[in-house]
PDBML (XML) file of the C-alpha atoms, coordinates in Angstrom:
<?xml version="1.0" encoding="UTF-8" ?>
<PDBx:datablock datablockName="MODEL"
   xmlns:PDBx="http://pdbml.pdb.org/schema/pdbx-v50.xsd"
   xmlns:xsi="http://www.w3.org/2001/XMLSchema-instance"
   xsi:schemaLocation="http://pdbml.pdb.org/schema/pdbx-v50.xsd pdbx-v50.xsd">
   <PDBx:atom_siteCategory>
      <PDBx:atom_site id="1">
         <PDBx:B_iso_or_equiv>0.00</PDBx:B_iso_or_equiv>
         <PDBx:Cartn_x>40.913</PDBx:Cartn_x>
         <PDBx:Cartn_y>4.399</PDBx:Cartn_y>
         <PDBx:Cartn_z>6.349</PDBx:Cartn_z>
         <PDBx:auth_asym_id>A</PDBx:auth_asym_id>
         <PDBx:auth_atom_id>CA</PDBx:auth_atom_id>
         <PDBx:auth_comp_id>GLU</PDBx:auth_comp_id>
         <PDBx:auth_seq_id>1</PDBx:auth_seq_id>
         <PDBx:group_PDB>ATOM</PDBx:group_PDB>
         <PDBx:label_alt_id xsi:nil="true" />
         <PDBx:label_asym_id>A</PDBx:label_asym_id>
         <PDBx:label_atom_id>CA</PDBx:label_atom_id>
         <PDBx:label_comp_id>GLU</PDBx:label_comp_id>
         <PDBx:label_entity_id>1</PDBx:label_entity_id>
         <PDBx:label_seq_id>1</PDBx:label_seq_id>
         <PDBx:occupancy>1.00</PDBx:occupancy>
         <PDBx:pdbx_PDB_model_num>1</PDBx:pdbx_PDB_model_num>
         <PDBx:type_symbol>C</PDBx:type_symbol>
      </PDBx:atom_site>
      <PDBx:atom_site id="2">
         <PDBx:B_iso_or_equiv>0.00</PDBx:B_iso_or_equiv>
         <PDBx:Cartn_x>38.138</PDBx:Cartn_x>
         <PDBx:Cartn_y>6.402</PDBx:Cartn_y>
         <PDBx:Cartn_z>7.999</PDBx:Cartn_z>
         <PDBx:auth_asym_id>A</PDBx:auth_asym_id>
         <PDBx:auth_atom_id>CA</PDBx:auth_atom_id>
         <PDBx:auth_comp_id>ALA</PDBx:auth_comp_id>
         <PDBx:auth_seq_id>2</PDBx:auth_seq_id>
         <PDBx:group_PDB>ATOM</PDBx:group_PDB>
         <PDBx:label_alt_id xsi:nil="true" />
         <PDBx:label_asym_id>A</PDBx:label_asym_id>
         <PDBx:label_atom_id>CA</PDBx:label_atom_id>
         <PDBx:label_comp_id>ALA</PDBx:label_comp_id>
         <PDBx:label_entity_id>1</PDBx:label_entity_id>
         <PDBx:label_seq_id>2</PDBx:label_seq_id>
         <PDBx:occupancy>1.00</PDBx:occupancy>
         <PDBx:pdbx_PDB_model_num>1</PDBx:pdbx_PDB_model_num>
         <PDBx:type_symbol>C</PDBx:type_symbol>
      </PDBx:atom_site>
      <PDBx:atom_site id="3">
         <PDBx:B_iso_or_equiv>0.00</PDBx:B_iso_or_equiv>
         <PDBx:Cartn_x>35.241</PDBx:Cartn_x>
         <PDBx:Cartn_y>4.332</PDBx:Cartn_y>
         <PDBx:Cartn_z>9.303</PDBx:Cartn_z>
         <PDBx:auth_asym_id>A</PDBx:auth_asym_id>
         <PDBx:auth_atom_id>CA</PDBx:auth_atom_id>
         <PDBx:auth_comp_id>LYS</PDBx:auth_comp_id>
         <PDBx:auth_seq_id>3</PDBx:auth_seq_id>
         <PDBx:group_PDB>ATOM</PDBx:group_PDB>
         <PDBx:label_alt_id xsi:nil="true" />
         <PDBx:label_asym_id>A</PDBx:label_asym_id>
         <PDBx:label_atom_id>CA</PDBx:label_atom_id>
         <PDBx:label_comp_id>LYS</PDBx:label_comp_id>
         <PDBx:label_entity_id>1</PDBx:label_entity_id>
         <PDBx:label_seq_id>3</PDBx:label_seq_id>
         <PDBx:occupancy>1.00</PDBx:occupancy>
         <PDBx:pdbx_PDB_model_num>1</PDBx:pdbx_PDB_model_num>
         <PDBx:type_symbol>C</PDBx:type_symbol>
      </PDBx:atom_site>
      <PDBx:atom_site id="4">
         <PDBx:B_iso_or_equiv>0.00</PDBx:B_iso_or_equiv>
         <PDBx:Cartn_x>32.201</PDBx:Cartn_x>
         <PDBx:Cartn_y>6.238</PDBx:Cartn_y>
         <PDBx:Cartn_z>10.647</PDBx:Cartn_z>
         <PDBx:auth_asym_id>A</PDBx:auth_asym_id>
         <PDBx:auth_atom_id>CA</PDBx:auth_atom_id>
         <PDBx:auth_comp_id>PRO</PDBx:auth_comp_id>
         <PDBx:auth_seq_id>4</PDBx:auth_seq_id>
         <PDBx:group_PDB>ATOM</PDBx:group_PDB>
         <PDBx:label_alt_id xsi:nil="true" />
         <PDBx:label_asym_id>A</PDBx:label_asym_id>
         <PDBx:label_atom_id>CA</PDBx:label_atom_id>
         <PDBx:label_comp_id>PRO</PDBx:label_comp_id>
         <PDBx:label_entity_id>1</PDBx:label_entity_id>
         <PDBx:label_seq_id>4</PDBx:label_seq_id>
         <PDBx:occupancy>1.00</PDBx:occupancy>
         <PDBx:pdbx_PDB_model_num>1</PDBx:pdbx_PDB_model_num>
         <PDBx:type_symbol>C</PDBx:type_symbol>
      </PDBx:atom_site>
      <PDBx:atom_site id="5">
         <PDBx:B_iso_or_equiv>0.00</PDBx:B_iso_or_equiv>
         <PDBx:Cartn_x>30.384</PDBx:Cartn_x>
         <PDBx:Cartn_y>4.846</PDBx:Cartn_y>
         <PDBx:Cartn_z>13.702</PDBx:Cartn_z>
         <PDBx:auth_asym_id>A</PDBx:auth_asym_id>
         <PDBx:auth_atom_id>CA</PDBx:auth_atom_id>
         <PDBx:auth_comp_id>HIS</PDBx:auth_comp_id>
         <PDBx:auth_seq_id>5</PDBx:auth_seq_id>
         <PDBx:group_PDB>ATOM</PDBx:group_PDB>
         <PDBx:label_alt_id xsi:nil="true" />
         <PDBx:label_asym_id>A</PDBx:label_asym_id>
         <PDBx:label_atom_id>CA</PDBx:label_atom_id>
         <PDBx:label_comp_id>HIS</PDBx:label_comp_id>
         <PDBx:label_entity_id>1</PDBx:label_entity_id>
         <PDBx:label_seq_id>5</PDBx:label_seq_id>
         <PDBx:occupancy>1.00</PDBx:occupancy>
         <PDBx:pdbx_PDB_model_num>1</PDBx:pdbx_PDB_model_num>
         <PDBx:type_symbol>C</PDBx:type_symbol>
      </PDBx:atom_site>
      <PDBx:atom_site id="6">
         <PDBx:B_iso_or_equiv>0.00</PDBx:B_iso_or_equiv>
         <PDBx:Cartn_x>26.858</PDBx:Cartn_x>
         <PDBx:Cartn_y>6.183</PDBx:Cartn_y>
         <PDBx:Cartn_z>14.130</PDBx:Cartn_z>
         <PDBx:auth_asym_id>A</PDBx:auth_asym_id>
         <PDBx:auth_atom_id>CA</PDBx:auth_atom_id>
         <PDBx:auth_comp_id>ILE</PDBx:auth_comp_id>
         <PDBx:auth_seq_id>6</PDBx:auth_seq_id>
         <PDBx:group_PDB>ATOM</PDBx:group_PDB>
         <PDBx:label_alt_id xsi:nil="true" />
         <PDBx:label_asym_id>A</PDBx:label_asym_id>
         <PDBx:label_atom_id>CA</PDBx:label_atom_id>
         <PDBx:label_comp_id>ILE</PDBx:label_comp_id>
         <PDBx:label_entity_id>1</PDBx:label_entity_id>
         <PDBx:label_seq_id>6</PDBx:label_seq_id>
         <PDBx:occupancy>1.00</PDBx:occupancy>
         <PDBx:pdbx_PDB_model_num>1</PDBx:pdbx_PDB_model_num>
         <PDBx:type_symbol>C</PDBx:type_symbol>
      </PDBx:atom_site>
      <PDBx:atom_site id="7">
         <PDBx:B_iso_or_equiv>0.00</PDBx:B_iso_or_equiv>
         <PDBx:Cartn_x>24.003</PDBx:Cartn_x>
         <PDBx:Cartn_y>5.485</PDBx:Cartn_y>
         <PDBx:Cartn_z>16.544</PDBx:Cartn_z>
         <PDBx:auth_asym_id>A</PDBx:auth_asym_id>
         <PDBx:auth_atom_id>CA</PDBx:auth_atom_id>
         <PDBx:auth_comp_id>GLY</PDBx:auth_comp_id>
         <PDBx:auth_seq_id>7</PDBx:auth_seq_id>
         <PDBx:group_PDB>ATOM</PDBx:group_PDB>
         <PDBx:label_alt_id xsi:nil="true" />
         <PDBx:label_asym_id>A</PDBx:label_asym_id>
         <PDBx:label_atom_id>CA</PDBx:label_atom_id>
         <PDBx:label_comp_id>GLY</PDBx:label_comp_id>
         <PDBx:label_entity_id>1</PDBx:label_entity_id>
         <PDBx:label_seq_id>7</PDBx:label_seq_id>
         <PDBx:occupancy>1.00</PDBx:occupancy>
         <PDBx:pdbx_PDB_model_num>1</PDBx:pdbx_PDB_model_num>
         <PDBx:type_symbol>C</PDBx:type_symbol>
      </PDBx:atom_site>
      <PDBx:atom_site id="8">
         <PDBx:B_iso_or_equiv>0.00</PDBx:B_iso_or_equiv>
         <PDBx:Cartn_x>25.046</PDBx:Cartn_x>
         <PDBx:Cartn_y>7.646</PDBx:Cartn_y>
         <PDBx:Cartn_z>19.495</PDBx:Cartn_z>
         <PDBx:auth_asym_id>A</PDBx:auth_asym_id>
         <PDBx:auth_atom_id>CA</PDBx:auth_atom_id>
         <PDBx:auth_comp_id>TYR</PDBx:auth_comp_id>
         <PDBx:auth_seq_id>8</PDBx:auth_seq_id>
         <PDBx:group_PDB>ATOM</PDBx:group_PDB>
         <PDBx:label_alt_id xsi:nil="true" />
         <PDBx:label_asym_id>A</PDBx:label_asym_id>
         <PDBx:label_atom_id>CA</PDBx:label_atom_id>
         <PDBx:label_comp_id>TYR</PDBx:label_comp_id>
         <PDBx:label_entity_id>1</PDBx:label_entity_id>
         <PDBx:label_seq_id>8</PDBx:label_seq_id>
         <PDBx:occupancy>1.00</PDBx:occupancy>
         <PDBx:pdbx_PDB_model_num>1</PDBx:pdbx_PDB_model_num>
         <PDBx:type_symbol>C</PDBx:type_symbol>
      </PDBx:atom_site>
      <PDBx:atom_site id="9">
         <PDBx:B_iso_or_equiv>0.00</PDBx:B_iso_or_equiv>
         <PDBx:Cartn_x>22.084</PDBx:Cartn_x>
         <PDBx:Cartn_y>10.001</PDBx:Cartn_y>
         <PDBx:Cartn_z>18.992</PDBx:Cartn_z>
         <PDBx:auth_asym_id>A</PDBx:auth_asym_id>
         <PDBx:auth_atom_id>CA</PDBx:auth_atom_id>
         <PDBx:auth_comp_id>LEU</PDBx:auth_comp_id>
         <PDBx:auth_seq_id>9</PDBx:auth_seq_id>
         <PDBx:group_PDB>ATOM</PDBx:group_PDB>
         <PDBx:label_alt_id xsi:nil="true" />
         <PDBx:label_asym_id>A</PDBx:label_asym_id>
         <PDBx:label_atom_id>CA</PDBx:label_atom_id>
         <PDBx:label_comp_id>LEU</PDBx:label_comp_id>
         <PDBx:label_entity_id>1</PDBx:label_entity_id>
         <PDBx:label_seq_id>9</PDBx:label_seq_id>
         <PDBx:occupancy>1.00</PDBx:occupancy>
         <PDBx:pdbx_PDB_model_num>1</PDBx:pdbx_PDB_model_num>
         <PDBx:type_symbol>C</PDBx:type_symbol>
      </PDBx:atom_site>
      <PDBx:atom_site id="10">
         <PDBx:B_iso_or_equiv>0.00</PDBx:B_iso_or_equiv>
         <PDBx:Cartn_x>19.330</PDBx:Cartn_x>
         <PDBx:Cartn_y>7.506</PDBx:Cartn_y>
         <PDBx:Cartn_z>18.176</PDBx:Cartn_z>
         <PDBx:auth_asym_id>A</PDBx:auth_asym_id>
         <PDBx:auth_atom_id>CA</PDBx:auth_atom_id>
         <PDBx:auth_comp_id>HIS</PDBx:auth_comp_id>
         <PDBx:auth_seq_id>10</PDBx:auth_seq_id>
         <PDBx:group_PDB>ATOM</PDBx:group_PDB>
         <PDBx:label_alt_id xsi:nil="true" />
         <PDBx:label_asym_id>A</PDBx:label_asym_id>
         <PDBx:label_atom_id>CA</PDBx:label_atom_id>
         <PDBx:label_comp_id>HIS</PDBx:label_comp_id>
         <PDBx:label_entity_id>1</PDBx:label_entity_id>
         <PDBx:label_seq_id>10</PDBx:label_seq_id>
         <PDBx:occupancy>1.00</PDBx:occupancy>
         <PDBx:pdbx_PDB_model_num>1</PDBx:pdbx_PDB_model_num>
         <PDBx:type_symbol>C</PDBx:type_symbol>
      </PDBx:atom_site>
      <PDBx:atom_site id="11">
         <PDBx:B_iso_or_equiv>0.00</PDBx:B_iso_or_equiv>
         <PDBx:Cartn_x>15.940</PDBx:Cartn_x>
         <PDBx:Cartn_y>9.189</PDBx:Cartn_y>
         <PDBx:Cartn_z>18.628</PDBx:Cartn_z>
         <PDBx:auth_asym_id>A</PDBx:auth_asym_id>
         <PDBx:auth_atom_id>CA</PDBx:auth_atom_id>
         <PDBx:auth_comp_id>ARG</PDBx:auth_comp_id>
         <PDBx:auth_seq_id>11</PDBx:auth_seq_id>
         <PDBx:group_PDB>ATOM</PDBx:group_PDB>
         <PDBx:label_alt_id xsi:nil="true" />
         <PDBx:label_asym_id>A</PDBx:label_asym_id>
         <PDBx:label_atom_id>CA</PDBx:label_atom_id>
         <PDBx:label_comp_id>ARG</PDBx:label_comp_id>
         <PDBx:label_entity_id>1</PDBx:label_entity_id>
         <PDBx:label_seq_id>11</PDBx:label_seq_id>
         <PDBx:occupancy>1.00</PDBx:occupancy>
         <PDBx:pdbx_PDB_model_num>1</PDBx:pdbx_PDB_model_num>
         <PDBx:type_symbol>C</PDBx:type_symbol>
      </PDBx:atom_site>
      <PDBx:atom_site id="12">
         <PDBx:B_iso_or_equiv>0.00</PDBx:B_iso_or_equiv>
         <PDBx:Cartn_x>13.559</PDBx:Cartn_x>
         <PDBx:Cartn_y>6.344</PDBx:Cartn_y>
         <PDBx:Cartn_z>17.775</PDBx:Cartn_z>
         <PDBx:auth_asym_id>A</PDBx:auth_asym_id>
         <PDBx:auth_atom_id>CA</PDBx:auth_atom_id>
         <PDBx:auth_comp_id>CYS</PDBx:auth_comp_id>
         <PDBx:auth_seq_id>12</PDBx:auth_seq_id>
         <PDBx:group_PDB>ATOM</PDBx:group_PDB>
         <PDBx:label_alt_id xsi:nil="true" />
         <PDBx:label_asym_id>A</PDBx:label_asym_id>
         <PDBx:label_atom_id>CA</PDBx:label_atom_id>
         <PDBx:label_comp_id>CYS</PDBx:label_comp_id>
         <PDBx:label_entity_id>1</PDBx:label_entity_id>
         <PDBx:label_seq_id>12</PDBx:label_seq_id>
         <PDBx:occupancy>1.00</PDBx:occupancy>
         <PDBx:pdbx_PDB_model_num>1</PDBx:pdbx_PDB_model_num>
         <PDBx:type_symbol>C</PDBx:type_symbol>
      </PDBx:atom_site>
      <PDBx:atom_site id="13">
         <PDBx:B_iso_or_equiv>0.00</PDBx:B_iso_or_equiv>
         <PDBx:Cartn_x>11.674</PDBx:Cartn_x>
         <PDBx:Cartn_y>8.638</PDBx:Cartn_y>
         <PDBx:Cartn_z>15.404</PDBx:Cartn_z>
         <PDBx:auth_asym_id>A</PDBx:auth_asym_id>
         <PDBx:auth_atom_id>CA</PDBx:auth_atom_id>
         <PDBx:auth_comp_id>PHE</PDBx:auth_comp_id>
         <PDBx:auth_seq_id>13</PDBx:auth_seq_id>
         <PDBx:group_PDB>ATOM</PDBx:group_PDB>
         <PDBx:label_alt_id xsi:nil="true" />
         <PDBx:label_asym_id>A</PDBx:label_asym_id>
         <PDBx:label_atom_id>CA</PDBx:label_atom_id>
         <PDBx:label_comp_id>PHE</PDBx:label_comp_id>
         <PDBx:label_entity_id>1</PDBx:label_entity_id>
         <PDBx:label_seq_id>13</PDBx:label_seq_id>
         <PDBx:occupancy>1.00</PDBx:occupancy>
         <PDBx:pdbx_PDB_model_num>1</PDBx:pdbx_PDB_model_num>
         <PDBx:type_symbol>C</PDBx:type_symbol>
      </PDBx:atom_site>
      <PDBx:atom_site id="14">
         <PDBx:B_iso_or_equiv>0.00</PDBx:B_iso_or_equiv>
         <PDBx:Cartn_x>10.155</PDBx:Cartn_x>
         <PDBx:Cartn_y>5.905</PDBx:Cartn_y>
         <PDBx:Cartn_z>13.261</PDBx:Cartn_z>
         <PDBx:auth_asym_id>A</PDBx:auth_asym_id>
         <PDBx:auth_atom_id>CA</PDBx:auth_atom_id>
         <PDBx:auth_comp_id>GLU</PDBx:auth_comp_id>
         <PDBx:auth_seq_id>14</PDBx:auth_seq_id>
         <PDBx:group_PDB>ATOM</PDBx:group_PDB>
         <PDBx:label_alt_id xsi:nil="true" />
         <PDBx:label_asym_id>A</PDBx:label_asym_id>
         <PDBx:label_atom_id>CA</PDBx:label_atom_id>
         <PDBx:label_comp_id>GLU</PDBx:label_comp_id>
         <PDBx:label_entity_id>1</PDBx:label_entity_id>
         <PDBx:label_seq_id>14</PDBx:label_seq_id>
         <PDBx:occupancy>1.00</PDBx:occupancy>
         <PDBx:pdbx_PDB_model_num>1</PDBx:pdbx_PDB_model_num>
         <PDBx:type_symbol>C</PDBx:type_symbol>
      </PDBx:atom_site>
      <PDBx:atom_site id="15">
         <PDBx:B_iso_or_equiv>0.00</PDBx:B_iso_or_equiv>
         <PDBx:Cartn_x>8.981</PDBx:Cartn_x>
         <PDBx:Cartn_y>3.873</PDBx:Cartn_y>
         <PDBx:Cartn_z>16.261</PDBx:Cartn_z>
         <PDBx:auth_asym_id>A</PDBx:auth_asym_id>
         <PDBx:auth_atom_id>CA</PDBx:auth_atom_id>
         <PDBx:auth_comp_id>LYS</PDBx:auth_comp_id>
         <PDBx:auth_seq_id>15</PDBx:auth_seq_id>
         <PDBx:group_PDB>ATOM</PDBx:group_PDB>
         <PDBx:label_alt_id xsi:nil="true" />
         <PDBx:label_asym_id>A</PDBx:label_asym_id>
         <PDBx:label_atom_id>CA</PDBx:label_atom_id>
         <PDBx:label_comp_id>LYS</PDBx:label_comp_id>
         <PDBx:label_entity_id>1</PDBx:label_entity_id>
         <PDBx:label_seq_id>15</PDBx:label_seq_id>
         <PDBx:occupancy>1.00</PDBx:occupancy>
         <PDBx:pdbx_PDB_model_num>1</PDBx:pdbx_PDB_model_num>
         <PDBx:type_symbol>C</PDBx:type_symbol>
      </PDBx:atom_site>
      <PDBx:atom_site id="16">
         <PDBx:B_iso_or_equiv>0.00</PDBx:B_iso_or_equiv>
         <PDBx:Cartn_x>7.482</PDBx:Cartn_x>
         <PDBx:Cartn_y>6.986</PDBx:Cartn_y>
         <PDBx:Cartn_z>17.858</PDBx:Cartn_z>
         <PDBx:auth_asym_id>A</PDBx:auth_asym_id>
         <PDBx:auth_atom_id>CA</PDBx:auth_atom_id>
         <PDBx:auth_comp_id>HIS</PDBx:auth_comp_id>
         <PDBx:auth_seq_id>16</PDBx:auth_seq_id>
         <PDBx:group_PDB>ATOM</PDBx:group_PDB>
         <PDBx:label_alt_id xsi:nil="true" />
         <PDBx:label_asym_id>A</PDBx:label_asym_id>
         <PDBx:label_atom_id>CA</PDBx:label_atom_id>
         <PDBx:label_comp_id>HIS</PDBx:label_comp_id>
         <PDBx:label_entity_id>1</PDBx:label_entity_id>
         <PDBx:label_seq_id>16</PDBx:label_seq_id>
         <PDBx:occupancy>1.00</PDBx:occupancy>
         <PDBx:pdbx_PDB_model_num>1</PDBx:pdbx_PDB_model_num>
         <PDBx:type_symbol>C</PDBx:type_symbol>
      </PDBx:atom_site>
      <PDBx:atom_site id="17">
         <PDBx:B_iso_or_equiv>0.00</PDBx:B_iso_or_equiv>
         <PDBx:Cartn_x>5.626</PDBx:Cartn_x>
         <PDBx:Cartn_y>7.708</PDBx:Cartn_y>
         <PDBx:Cartn_z>14.606</PDBx:Cartn_z>
         <PDBx:auth_asym_id>A</PDBx:auth_asym_id>
         <PDBx:auth_atom_id>CA</PDBx:auth_atom_id>
         <PDBx:auth_comp_id>ALA</PDBx:auth_comp_id>
         <PDBx:auth_seq_id>17</PDBx:auth_seq_id>
         <PDBx:group_PDB>ATOM</PDBx:group_PDB>
         <PDBx:label_alt_id xsi:nil="true" />
         <PDBx:label_asym_id>A</PDBx:label_asym_id>
         <PDBx:label_atom_id>CA</PDBx:label_atom_id>
         <PDBx:label_comp_id>ALA</PDBx:label_comp_id>
         <PDBx:label_entity_id>1</PDBx:label_entity_id>
         <PDBx:label_seq_id>17</PDBx:label_seq_id>
         <PDBx:occupancy>1.00</PDBx:occupancy>
         <PDBx:pdbx_PDB_model_num>1</PDBx:pdbx_PDB_model_num>
         <PDBx:type_symbol>C</PDBx:type_symbol>
      </PDBx:atom_site>
      <PDBx:atom_site id="18">
         <PDBx:B_iso_or_equiv>0.00</PDBx:B_iso_or_equiv>
         <PDBx:Cartn_x>3.965</PDBx:Cartn_x>
         <PDBx:Cartn_y>4.286</PDBx:Cartn_y>
         <PDBx:Cartn_z>14.646</PDBx:Cartn_z>
         <PDBx:auth_asym_id>A</PDBx:auth_asym_id>
         <PDBx:auth_atom_id>CA</PDBx:auth_atom_id>
         <PDBx:auth_comp_id>GLU</PDBx:auth_comp_id>
         <PDBx:auth_seq_id>18</PDBx:auth_seq_id>
         <PDBx:group_PDB>ATOM</PDBx:group_PDB>
         <PDBx:label_alt_id xsi:nil="true" />
         <PDBx:label_asym_id>A</PDBx:label_asym_id>
         <PDBx:label_atom_id>CA</PDBx:label_atom_id>
         <PDBx:label_comp_id>GLU</PDBx:label_comp_id>
         <PDBx:label_entity_id>1</PDBx:label_entity_id>
         <PDBx:label_seq_id>18</PDBx:label_seq_id>
         <PDBx:occupancy>1.00</PDBx:occupancy>
         <PDBx:pdbx_PDB_model_num>1</PDBx:pdbx_PDB_model_num>
         <PDBx:type_symbol>C</PDBx:type_symbol>
      </PDBx:atom_site>
      <PDBx:atom_site id="19">
         <PDBx:B_iso_or_equiv>0.00</PDBx:B_iso_or_equiv>
         <PDBx:Cartn_x>2.498</PDBx:Cartn_x>
         <PDBx:Cartn_y>4.907</PDBx:Cartn_y>
         <PDBx:Cartn_z>18.109</PDBx:Cartn_z>
         <PDBx:auth_asym_id>A</PDBx:auth_asym_id>
         <PDBx:auth_atom_id>CA</PDBx:auth_atom_id>
         <PDBx:auth_comp_id>ASN</PDBx:auth_comp_id>
         <PDBx:auth_seq_id>19</PDBx:auth_seq_id>
         <PDBx:group_PDB>ATOM</PDBx:group_PDB>
         <PDBx:label_alt_id xsi:nil="true" />
         <PDBx:label_asym_id>A</PDBx:label_asym_id>
         <PDBx:label_atom_id>CA</PDBx:label_atom_id>
         <PDBx:label_comp_id>ASN</PDBx:label_comp_id>
         <PDBx:label_entity_id>1</PDBx:label_entity_id>
         <PDBx:label_seq_id>19</PDBx:label_seq_id>
         <PDBx:occupancy>1.00</PDBx:occupancy>
         <PDBx:pdbx_PDB_model_num>1</PDBx:pdbx_PDB_model_num>
         <PDBx:type_symbol>C</PDBx:type_symbol>
      </PDBx:atom_site>
      <PDBx:atom_site id="20">
         <PDBx:B_iso_or_equiv>0.00</PDBx:B_iso_or_equiv>
         <PDBx:Cartn_x>1.186</PDBx:Cartn_x>
         <PDBx:Cartn_y>8.454</PDBx:Cartn_y>
         <PDBx:Cartn_z>17.765</PDBx:Cartn_z>
         <PDBx:auth_asym_id>A</PDBx:auth_asym_id>
         <PDBx:auth_atom_id>CA</PDBx:auth_atom_id>
         <PDBx:auth_comp_id>LEU</PDBx:auth_comp_id>
         <PDBx:auth_seq_id>20</PDBx:auth_seq_id>
         <PDBx:group_PDB>ATOM</PDBx:group_PDB>
         <PDBx:label_alt_id xsi:nil="true" />
         <PDBx:label_asym_id>A</PDBx:label_asym_id>
         <PDBx:label_atom_id>CA</PDBx:label_atom_id>
         <PDBx:label_comp_id>LEU</PDBx:label_comp_id>
         <PDBx:label_entity_id>1</PDBx:label_entity_id>
         <PDBx:label_seq_id>20</PDBx:label_seq_id>
         <PDBx:occupancy>1.00</PDBx:occupancy>
         <PDBx:pdbx_PDB_model_num>1</PDBx:pdbx_PDB_model_num>
         <PDBx:type_symbol>C</PDBx:type_symbol>
      </PDBx:atom_site>
      <PDBx:atom_site id="21">
         <PDBx:B_iso_or_equiv>0.00</PDBx:B_iso_or_equiv>
         <PDBx:Cartn_x>-1.651</PDBx:Cartn_x>
         <PDBx:Cartn_y>10.098</PDBx:Cartn_y>
         <PDBx:Cartn_z>15.806</PDBx:Cartn_z>
         <PDBx:auth_asym_id>A</PDBx:auth_asym_id>
         <PDBx:auth_atom_id>CA</PDBx:auth_atom_id>
         <PDBx:auth_comp_id>PRO</PDBx:auth_comp_id>
         <PDBx:auth_seq_id>21</PDBx:auth_seq_id>
         <PDBx:group_PDB>ATOM</PDBx:group_PDB>
         <PDBx:label_alt_id xsi:nil="true" />
         <PDBx:label_asym_id>A</PDBx:label_asym_id>
         <PDBx:label_atom_id>CA</PDBx:label_atom_id>
         <PDBx:label_comp_id>PRO</PDBx:label_comp_id>
         <PDBx:label_entity_id>1</PDBx:label_entity_id>
         <PDBx:label_seq_id>21</PDBx:label_seq_id>
         <PDBx:occupancy>1.00</PDBx:occupancy>
         <PDBx:pdbx_PDB_model_num>1</PDBx:pdbx_PDB_model_num>
         <PDBx:type_symbol>C</PDBx:type_symbol>
      </PDBx:atom_site>
      <PDBx:atom_site id="22">
         <PDBx:B_iso_or_equiv>0.00</PDBx:B_iso_or_equiv>
         <PDBx:Cartn_x>-0.527</PDBx:Cartn_x>
         <PDBx:Cartn_y>11.600</PDBx:Cartn_y>
         <PDBx:Cartn_z>12.507</PDBx:Cartn_z>
         <PDBx:auth_asym_id>A</PDBx:auth_asym_id>
         <PDBx:auth_atom_id>CA</PDBx:auth_atom_id>
         <PDBx:auth_comp_id>TYR</PDBx:auth_comp_id>
         <PDBx:auth_seq_id>22</PDBx:auth_seq_id>
         <PDBx:group_PDB>ATOM</PDBx:group_PDB>
         <PDBx:label_alt_id xsi:nil="true" />
         <PDBx:label_asym_id>A</PDBx:label_asym_id>
         <PDBx:label_atom_id>CA</PDBx:label_atom_id>
         <PDBx:label_comp_id>TYR</PDBx:label_comp_id>
         <PDBx:label_entity_id>1</PDBx:label_entity_id>
         <PDBx:label_seq_id>22</PDBx:label_seq_id>
         <PDBx:occupancy>1.00</PDBx:occupancy>
         <PDBx:pdbx_PDB_model_num>1</PDBx:pdbx_PDB_model_num>
         <PDBx:type_symbol>C</PDBx:type_symbol>
      </PDBx:atom_site>
      <PDBx:atom_site id="23">
         <PDBx:B_iso_or_equiv>0.00</PDBx:B_iso_or_equiv>
         <PDBx:Cartn_x>-0.617</PDBx:Cartn_x>
         <PDBx:Cartn_y>15.195</PDBx:Cartn_y>
         <PDBx:Cartn_z>13.761</PDBx:Cartn_z>
         <PDBx:auth_asym_id>A</PDBx:auth_asym_id>
         <PDBx:auth_atom_id>CA</PDBx:auth_atom_id>
         <PDBx:auth_comp_id>GLN</PDBx:auth_comp_id>
         <PDBx:auth_seq_id>23</PDBx:auth_seq_id>
         <PDBx:group_PDB>ATOM</PDBx:group_PDB>
         <PDBx:label_alt_id xsi:nil="true" />
         <PDBx:label_asym_id>A</PDBx:label_asym_id>
         <PDBx:label_atom_id>CA</PDBx:label_atom_id>
         <PDBx:label_comp_id>GLN</PDBx:label_comp_id>
         <PDBx:label_entity_id>1</PDBx:label_entity_id>
         <PDBx:label_seq_id>23</PDBx:label_seq_id>
         <PDBx:occupancy>1.00</PDBx:occupancy>
         <PDBx:pdbx_PDB_model_num>1</PDBx:pdbx_PDB_model_num>
         <PDBx:type_symbol>C</PDBx:type_symbol>
      </PDBx:atom_site>
      <PDBx:atom_site id="24">
         <PDBx:B_iso_or_equiv>0.00</PDBx:B_iso_or_equiv>
         <PDBx:Cartn_x>1.437</PDBx:Cartn_x>
         <PDBx:Cartn_y>14.388</PDBx:Cartn_y>
         <PDBx:Cartn_z>16.865</PDBx:Cartn_z>
         <PDBx:auth_asym_id>A</PDBx:auth_asym_id>
         <PDBx:auth_atom_id>CA</PDBx:auth_atom_id>
         <PDBx:auth_comp_id>GLN</PDBx:auth_comp_id>
         <PDBx:auth_seq_id>24</PDBx:auth_seq_id>
         <PDBx:group_PDB>ATOM</PDBx:group_PDB>
         <PDBx:label_alt_id xsi:nil="true" />
         <PDBx:label_asym_id>A</PDBx:label_asym_id>
         <PDBx:label_atom_id>CA</PDBx:label_atom_id>
         <PDBx:label_comp_id>GLN</PDBx:label_comp_id>
         <PDBx:label_entity_id>1</PDBx:label_entity_id>
         <PDBx:label_seq_id>24</PDBx:label_seq_id>
         <PDBx:occupancy>1.00</PDBx:occupancy>
         <PDBx:pdbx_PDB_model_num>1</PDBx:pdbx_PDB_model_num>
         <PDBx:type_symbol>C</PDBx:type_symbol>
      </PDBx:atom_site>
   </PDBx:atom_siteCategory>
</PDBx:datablock>
């Protein structure tokens, strides 16, 4: 079995995008 664990490099991209103008 090989179970991947992710989330160590979370960048919050989608939350950033909701708080910035489109160009930024």
